Amino acid sequence: MAVEFIQEDLFVGKQILIDSDRLVFNGRNDSIFSSDKLMLFKTNGEFHINTNKDTFINTPKIYIGPVIDGESPNVPAVRGDNLEQLLKDLIGSLKTWLKIQYPQTSGLQGPNPGICR
């Protein structure tokens, strides 16, 4: 983690602590939560983000998984479009390789021709 989180009950300095059974913040037009170094949402239960429109997460890297011994997870999330294109290219290359390695000759065939289409 780039910034070490200080447990809320150990922090000393200027702060506001609100302890309640329920907190509701409602902005009629929009709401902004901002921090210069670290923003943490923490729960012992489930965490939901609900929207009727698109959701955008703008960051150079996203890590999904637990932080173990203070180290960030070492398995970054993949970018779906990039992974899809990479897999299409790989499958295309394999198909080409199979066609070269096992050409359809008179009566001889390589692997199941259904895979090479």
N, C-alpha and C. Protein backbone atom coordinates (compact mmCIF):
# COMPACT_ATOMS: atom_id res chain seq x y z
N MET A 1 0.84 -1.17 0.00
CA MET A 1 0.00 0.00 0.00
C MET A 1 0.89 1.24 0.00
N ALA A 2 0.50 2.24 -0.75
CA ALA A 2 1.29 3.45 -0.83
C ALA A 2 1.22 4.26 0.47
N VAL A 3 0.06 4.31 1.10
CA VAL A 3 -0.12 5.06 2.34
C VAL A 3 -0.59 4.07 3.41
N GLU A 4 0.07 4.10 4.54
CA GLU A 4 -0.31 3.18 5.61
C GLU A 4 -1.54 3.71 6.35
N PHE A 5 -2.53 2.87 6.52
CA PHE A 5 -3.75 3.26 7.20
C PHE A 5 -3.52 3.24 8.71
N ILE A 6 -3.93 4.32 9.37
CA ILE A 6 -3.83 4.39 10.82
C ILE A 6 -5.19 4.02 11.38
N GLN A 7 -5.23 3.00 12.21
CA GLN A 7 -6.49 2.52 12.78
C GLN A 7 -7.22 3.69 13.44
N GLU A 8 -8.53 3.79 13.20
CA GLU A 8 -9.29 4.96 13.65
C GLU A 8 -9.26 5.17 15.16
N ASP A 9 -9.14 4.12 15.94
CA ASP A 9 -9.11 4.31 17.39
C ASP A 9 -7.72 4.67 17.90
N LEU A 10 -6.70 4.66 17.03
CA LEU A 10 -5.35 5.02 17.43
C LEU A 10 -4.94 6.39 16.93
N PHE A 11 -5.71 6.98 16.04
CA PHE A 11 -5.34 8.24 15.41
C PHE A 11 -5.43 9.39 16.41
N VAL A 12 -4.43 10.24 16.43
CA VAL A 12 -4.43 11.41 17.31
C VAL A 12 -4.30 12.64 16.40
N GLY A 13 -5.15 13.62 16.59
CA GLY A 13 -5.11 14.82 15.77
C GLY A 13 -6.51 15.28 15.47
N LYS A 14 -6.63 16.20 14.53
CA LYS A 14 -7.93 16.74 14.17
C LYS A 14 -8.74 15.68 13.46
N GLN A 15 -9.93 15.41 13.96
CA GLN A 15 -10.80 14.42 13.35
C GLN A 15 -12.23 14.62 13.82
N ILE A 16 -13.15 14.04 13.09
CA ILE A 16 -14.56 14.02 13.48
C ILE A 16 -14.97 12.56 13.53
N LEU A 17 -15.54 12.15 14.63
CA LEU A 17 -16.01 10.78 14.78
C LEU A 17 -17.51 10.82 15.00
N ILE A 18 -18.24 10.13 14.14
CA ILE A 18 -19.69 10.04 14.27
C ILE A 18 -20.01 8.58 14.53
N ASP A 19 -20.67 8.31 15.64
CA ASP A 19 -21.02 6.94 15.99
C ASP A 19 -22.53 6.86 16.07
N SER A 20 -23.12 6.08 15.19
CA SER A 20 -24.58 6.03 15.12
C SER A 20 -25.00 4.68 14.57
N ASP A 21 -26.28 4.35 14.73
CA ASP A 21 -26.79 3.11 14.15
C ASP A 21 -26.92 3.22 12.63
N ARG A 22 -27.12 4.42 12.11
CA ARG A 22 -27.25 4.60 10.66
C ARG A 22 -26.88 6.02 10.29
N LEU A 23 -26.13 6.16 9.18
CA LEU A 23 -25.79 7.47 8.64
C LEU A 23 -26.30 7.53 7.21
N VAL A 24 -26.96 8.62 6.85
CA VAL A 24 -27.45 8.81 5.49
C VAL A 24 -26.96 10.16 5.02
N PHE A 25 -26.21 10.17 3.92
CA PHE A 25 -25.79 11.40 3.28
C PHE A 25 -26.50 11.44 1.93
N ASN A 26 -27.26 12.48 1.69
CA ASN A 26 -28.00 12.57 0.44
C ASN A 26 -27.75 13.93 -0.19
N GLY A 27 -27.11 13.93 -1.33
CA GLY A 27 -26.93 15.15 -2.11
C GLY A 27 -27.96 15.18 -3.21
N ARG A 28 -28.75 16.23 -3.30
CA ARG A 28 -29.81 16.27 -4.32
C ARG A 28 -29.23 16.28 -5.73
N ASN A 29 -28.09 16.89 -5.92
CA ASN A 29 -27.47 16.93 -7.25
C ASN A 29 -26.27 15.99 -7.35
N ASP A 30 -25.37 16.07 -6.40
CA ASP A 30 -24.22 15.17 -6.39
C ASP A 30 -23.58 15.18 -5.02
N SER A 31 -22.68 14.24 -4.79
CA SER A 31 -21.94 14.15 -3.53
C SER A 31 -20.47 13.90 -3.86
N ILE A 32 -19.59 14.50 -3.11
CA ILE A 32 -18.16 14.31 -3.34
C ILE A 32 -17.51 13.95 -2.02
N PHE A 33 -16.77 12.85 -2.03
CA PHE A 33 -15.94 12.46 -0.90
C PHE A 33 -14.51 12.54 -1.40
N SER A 34 -13.66 13.25 -0.70
CA SER A 34 -12.32 13.48 -1.21
C SER A 34 -11.30 13.36 -0.09
N SER A 35 -10.13 12.85 -0.43
CA SER A 35 -9.04 12.74 0.52
C SER A 35 -7.73 12.96 -0.24
N ASP A 36 -6.77 13.57 0.42
CA ASP A 36 -5.49 13.83 -0.22
C ASP A 36 -4.60 12.59 -0.29
N LYS A 37 -4.76 11.65 0.65
CA LYS A 37 -3.85 10.51 0.69
C LYS A 37 -4.54 9.16 0.66
N LEU A 38 -5.54 8.94 1.50
CA LEU A 38 -6.14 7.61 1.60
C LEU A 38 -7.61 7.74 1.92
N MET A 39 -8.43 6.94 1.28
CA MET A 39 -9.84 6.85 1.62
C MET A 39 -10.14 5.38 1.85
N LEU A 40 -10.73 5.08 2.98
CA LEU A 40 -11.00 3.70 3.33
C LEU A 40 -12.48 3.55 3.66
N PHE A 41 -13.12 2.58 3.03
CA PHE A 41 -14.47 2.17 3.41
C PHE A 41 -14.31 0.80 4.03
N LYS A 42 -14.79 0.63 5.24
CA LYS A 42 -14.56 -0.61 5.98
C LYS A 42 -15.87 -1.12 6.55
N THR A 43 -16.09 -2.42 6.44
CA THR A 43 -17.28 -3.03 7.00
C THR A 43 -16.97 -4.47 7.41
N ASN A 44 -17.67 -4.95 8.39
CA ASN A 44 -17.58 -6.37 8.74
C ASN A 44 -18.63 -7.17 8.00
N GLY A 45 -19.47 -6.49 7.22
CA GLY A 45 -20.52 -7.15 6.44
C GLY A 45 -20.29 -6.95 4.96
N GLU A 46 -21.36 -6.87 4.20
CA GLU A 46 -21.29 -6.70 2.76
C GLU A 46 -21.09 -5.23 2.39
N PHE A 47 -20.56 -4.99 1.20
CA PHE A 47 -20.35 -3.64 0.67
C PHE A 47 -20.99 -3.59 -0.71
N HIS A 48 -21.91 -2.66 -0.92
CA HIS A 48 -22.63 -2.56 -2.19
C HIS A 48 -22.43 -1.19 -2.80
N ILE A 49 -22.36 -1.15 -4.12
CA ILE A 49 -22.40 0.10 -4.88
C ILE A 49 -23.56 -0.07 -5.86
N ASN A 50 -24.58 0.74 -5.73
CA ASN A 50 -25.77 0.63 -6.57
C ASN A 50 -25.91 1.88 -7.43
N THR A 51 -26.17 1.69 -8.71
CA THR A 51 -26.39 2.80 -9.61
C THR A 51 -27.32 2.37 -10.74
N ASN A 52 -28.06 3.30 -11.29
CA ASN A 52 -28.93 3.00 -12.43
C ASN A 52 -28.22 3.28 -13.75
N LYS A 53 -26.99 3.78 -13.68
CA LYS A 53 -26.22 4.10 -14.88
C LYS A 53 -24.83 3.49 -14.76
N ASP A 54 -23.90 3.93 -15.58
CA ASP A 54 -22.55 3.37 -15.61
C ASP A 54 -21.78 3.65 -14.33
N THR A 55 -20.79 2.82 -14.06
CA THR A 55 -19.87 3.02 -12.94
C THR A 55 -18.47 3.15 -13.50
N PHE A 56 -17.74 4.16 -13.10
CA PHE A 56 -16.39 4.40 -13.59
C PHE A 56 -15.41 4.34 -12.42
N ILE A 57 -14.33 3.62 -12.60
CA ILE A 57 -13.24 3.60 -11.63
C ILE A 57 -11.99 4.02 -12.40
N ASN A 58 -11.47 5.19 -12.11
CA ASN A 58 -10.32 5.73 -12.83
C ASN A 58 -9.07 5.58 -11.99
N THR A 59 -8.22 4.64 -12.37
CA THR A 59 -6.99 4.38 -11.64
C THR A 59 -6.04 3.61 -12.55
N PRO A 60 -4.74 3.77 -12.35
CA PRO A 60 -3.81 3.01 -13.20
C PRO A 60 -3.83 1.51 -12.93
N LYS A 61 -4.07 1.09 -11.69
CA LYS A 61 -4.09 -0.33 -11.35
C LYS A 61 -5.19 -0.60 -10.34
N ILE A 62 -5.79 -1.79 -10.44
CA ILE A 62 -6.78 -2.23 -9.48
C ILE A 62 -6.32 -3.58 -8.94
N TYR A 63 -6.27 -3.72 -7.64
CA TYR A 63 -5.90 -4.99 -7.01
C TYR A 63 -7.11 -5.51 -6.25
N ILE A 64 -7.39 -6.78 -6.42
CA ILE A 64 -8.51 -7.40 -5.73
C ILE A 64 -7.95 -8.53 -4.88
N GLY A 65 -8.21 -8.48 -3.61
CA GLY A 65 -7.71 -9.52 -2.72
C GLY A 65 -7.27 -8.93 -1.41
N PRO A 66 -6.94 -9.77 -0.46
CA PRO A 66 -6.57 -9.28 0.86
C PRO A 66 -5.15 -8.73 0.90
N VAL A 67 -4.93 -7.79 1.80
CA VAL A 67 -3.59 -7.30 2.08
C VAL A 67 -3.01 -8.21 3.15
N ILE A 68 -1.90 -8.88 2.84
CA ILE A 68 -1.28 -9.82 3.77
C ILE A 68 0.08 -9.29 4.17
N ASP A 69 0.33 -9.20 5.46
CA ASP A 69 1.60 -8.70 6.01
C ASP A 69 1.95 -7.33 5.46
N GLY A 70 0.95 -6.47 5.28
CA GLY A 70 1.18 -5.10 4.83
C GLY A 70 1.52 -4.96 3.36
N GLU A 71 1.51 -6.04 2.60
CA GLU A 71 1.85 -5.98 1.18
C GLU A 71 0.57 -6.01 0.34
N SER A 72 0.58 -5.25 -0.74
CA SER A 72 -0.57 -5.24 -1.65
C SER A 72 -0.71 -6.61 -2.30
N PRO A 73 -1.94 -6.97 -2.67
CA PRO A 73 -2.13 -8.23 -3.39
C PRO A 73 -1.28 -8.23 -4.66
N ASN A 74 -0.71 -9.38 -5.00
CA ASN A 74 0.18 -9.42 -6.17
C ASN A 74 -0.53 -9.91 -7.43
N VAL A 75 -1.86 -9.98 -7.42
CA VAL A 75 -2.60 -10.38 -8.60
C VAL A 75 -3.49 -9.21 -9.02
N PRO A 76 -3.04 -8.42 -10.00
CA PRO A 76 -3.86 -7.28 -10.42
C PRO A 76 -5.08 -7.75 -11.21
N ALA A 77 -6.14 -6.96 -11.16
CA ALA A 77 -7.34 -7.25 -11.95
C ALA A 77 -7.00 -7.04 -13.42
N VAL A 78 -7.61 -7.80 -14.32
CA VAL A 78 -7.33 -7.67 -15.75
C VAL A 78 -8.28 -6.67 -16.38
N ARG A 79 -7.84 -6.09 -17.47
CA ARG A 79 -8.71 -5.24 -18.26
C ARG A 79 -9.41 -6.14 -19.27
N GLY A 80 -10.72 -6.24 -19.15
CA GLY A 80 -11.50 -7.19 -19.93
C GLY A 80 -11.28 -7.10 -21.43
N ASP A 81 -11.29 -5.89 -22.00
CA ASP A 81 -11.12 -5.74 -23.45
C ASP A 81 -9.73 -6.21 -23.88
N ASN A 82 -8.70 -5.86 -23.10
CA ASN A 82 -7.34 -6.27 -23.44
C ASN A 82 -7.19 -7.78 -23.37
N LEU A 83 -7.75 -8.40 -22.31
CA LEU A 83 -7.67 -9.85 -22.17
C LEU A 83 -8.43 -10.54 -23.30
N GLU A 84 -9.60 -10.03 -23.64
CA GLU A 84 -10.39 -10.63 -24.72
C GLU A 84 -9.60 -10.61 -26.03
N GLN A 85 -8.98 -9.47 -26.36
CA GLN A 85 -8.21 -9.37 -27.60
C GLN A 85 -7.00 -10.30 -27.57
N LEU A 86 -6.32 -10.37 -26.43
CA LEU A 86 -5.17 -11.26 -26.30
C LEU A 86 -5.58 -12.72 -26.52
N LEU A 87 -6.70 -13.13 -25.93
CA LEU A 87 -7.17 -14.51 -26.10
C LEU A 87 -7.59 -14.79 -27.54
N LYS A 88 -8.24 -13.83 -28.21
CA LYS A 88 -8.61 -14.00 -29.61
C LYS A 88 -7.36 -14.17 -30.48
N ASP A 89 -6.34 -13.34 -30.23
CA ASP A 89 -5.08 -13.45 -30.98
C ASP A 89 -4.42 -14.80 -30.74
N LEU A 90 -4.41 -15.26 -29.50
CA LEU A 90 -3.80 -16.54 -29.16
C LEU A 90 -4.53 -17.69 -29.85
N ILE A 91 -5.86 -17.68 -29.81
CA ILE A 91 -6.65 -18.73 -30.45
C ILE A 91 -6.44 -18.70 -31.96
N GLY A 92 -6.39 -17.51 -32.54
CA GLY A 92 -6.13 -17.39 -33.98
C GLY A 92 -4.78 -17.96 -34.36
N SER A 93 -3.77 -17.68 -33.54
CA SER A 93 -2.42 -18.21 -33.80
C SER A 93 -2.41 -19.73 -33.68
N LEU A 94 -3.11 -20.26 -32.68
CA LEU A 94 -3.18 -21.72 -32.53
C LEU A 94 -3.88 -22.37 -33.72
N LYS A 95 -4.95 -21.76 -34.20
CA LYS A 95 -5.65 -22.30 -35.37
C LYS A 95 -4.73 -22.32 -36.58
N THR A 96 -4.00 -21.24 -36.79
CA THR A 96 -3.06 -21.17 -37.91
C THR A 96 -1.99 -22.24 -37.77
N TRP A 97 -1.45 -22.38 -36.58
CA TRP A 97 -0.41 -23.38 -36.34
C TRP A 97 -0.94 -24.79 -36.62
N LEU A 98 -2.17 -25.08 -36.18
CA LEU A 98 -2.76 -26.40 -36.43
C LEU A 98 -2.94 -26.66 -37.92
N LYS A 99 -3.36 -25.63 -38.66
CA LYS A 99 -3.55 -25.81 -40.10
C LYS A 99 -2.22 -26.08 -40.79
N ILE A 100 -1.14 -25.45 -40.32
CA ILE A 100 0.19 -25.67 -40.92
C ILE A 100 0.72 -27.04 -40.52
N GLN A 101 0.59 -27.39 -39.26
CA GLN A 101 1.12 -28.66 -38.75
C GLN A 101 0.34 -29.86 -39.28
N TYR A 102 -0.95 -29.71 -39.44
CA TYR A 102 -1.80 -30.82 -39.85
C TYR A 102 -2.63 -30.40 -41.06
N PRO A 103 -1.97 -30.24 -42.20
CA PRO A 103 -2.75 -29.83 -43.39
C PRO A 103 -3.70 -30.94 -43.81
N GLN A 104 -4.78 -30.56 -44.43
CA GLN A 104 -5.78 -31.53 -44.91
C GLN A 104 -5.27 -32.07 -46.25
N THR A 105 -4.71 -33.28 -46.22
CA THR A 105 -4.21 -33.91 -47.45
C THR A 105 -5.14 -35.03 -47.84
N SER A 106 -4.84 -35.69 -48.93
CA SER A 106 -5.73 -36.73 -49.44
C SER A 106 -5.87 -37.87 -48.44
N GLY A 107 -6.98 -37.88 -47.75
CA GLY A 107 -7.29 -38.97 -46.84
C GLY A 107 -6.63 -38.88 -45.48
N LEU A 108 -5.63 -38.04 -45.31
CA LEU A 108 -4.97 -37.91 -44.00
C LEU A 108 -5.44 -36.63 -43.34
N GLN A 109 -5.77 -36.72 -42.09
CA GLN A 109 -6.18 -35.53 -41.36
C GLN A 109 -5.48 -35.50 -40.02
N GLY A 110 -5.31 -34.32 -39.51
CA GLY A 110 -4.73 -34.16 -38.19
C GLY A 110 -5.83 -34.29 -37.15
N PRO A 111 -5.81 -33.41 -36.20
CA PRO A 111 -6.83 -33.46 -35.15
C PRO A 111 -8.21 -33.21 -35.74
N ASN A 112 -9.21 -33.34 -34.92
CA ASN A 112 -10.58 -33.14 -35.33
C ASN A 112 -10.70 -31.85 -36.14
N PRO A 113 -11.14 -31.92 -37.41
CA PRO A 113 -11.22 -30.73 -38.25
C PRO A 113 -12.17 -29.68 -37.68
N GLY A 114 -13.06 -30.06 -36.78
CA GLY A 114 -13.98 -29.09 -36.18
C GLY A 114 -13.25 -28.01 -35.37
N ILE A 115 -12.06 -28.35 -34.87
CA ILE A 115 -11.33 -27.35 -34.07
C ILE A 115 -10.63 -26.34 -34.95
N CYS A 116 -10.34 -26.68 -36.18
CA CYS A 116 -9.54 -25.82 -37.05
C CYS A 116 -10.38 -24.86 -37.88
N ARG A 117 -11.63 -24.73 -37.59
CA ARG A 117 -12.46 -23.84 -38.41
C ARG A 117 -12.41 -22.44 -37.93
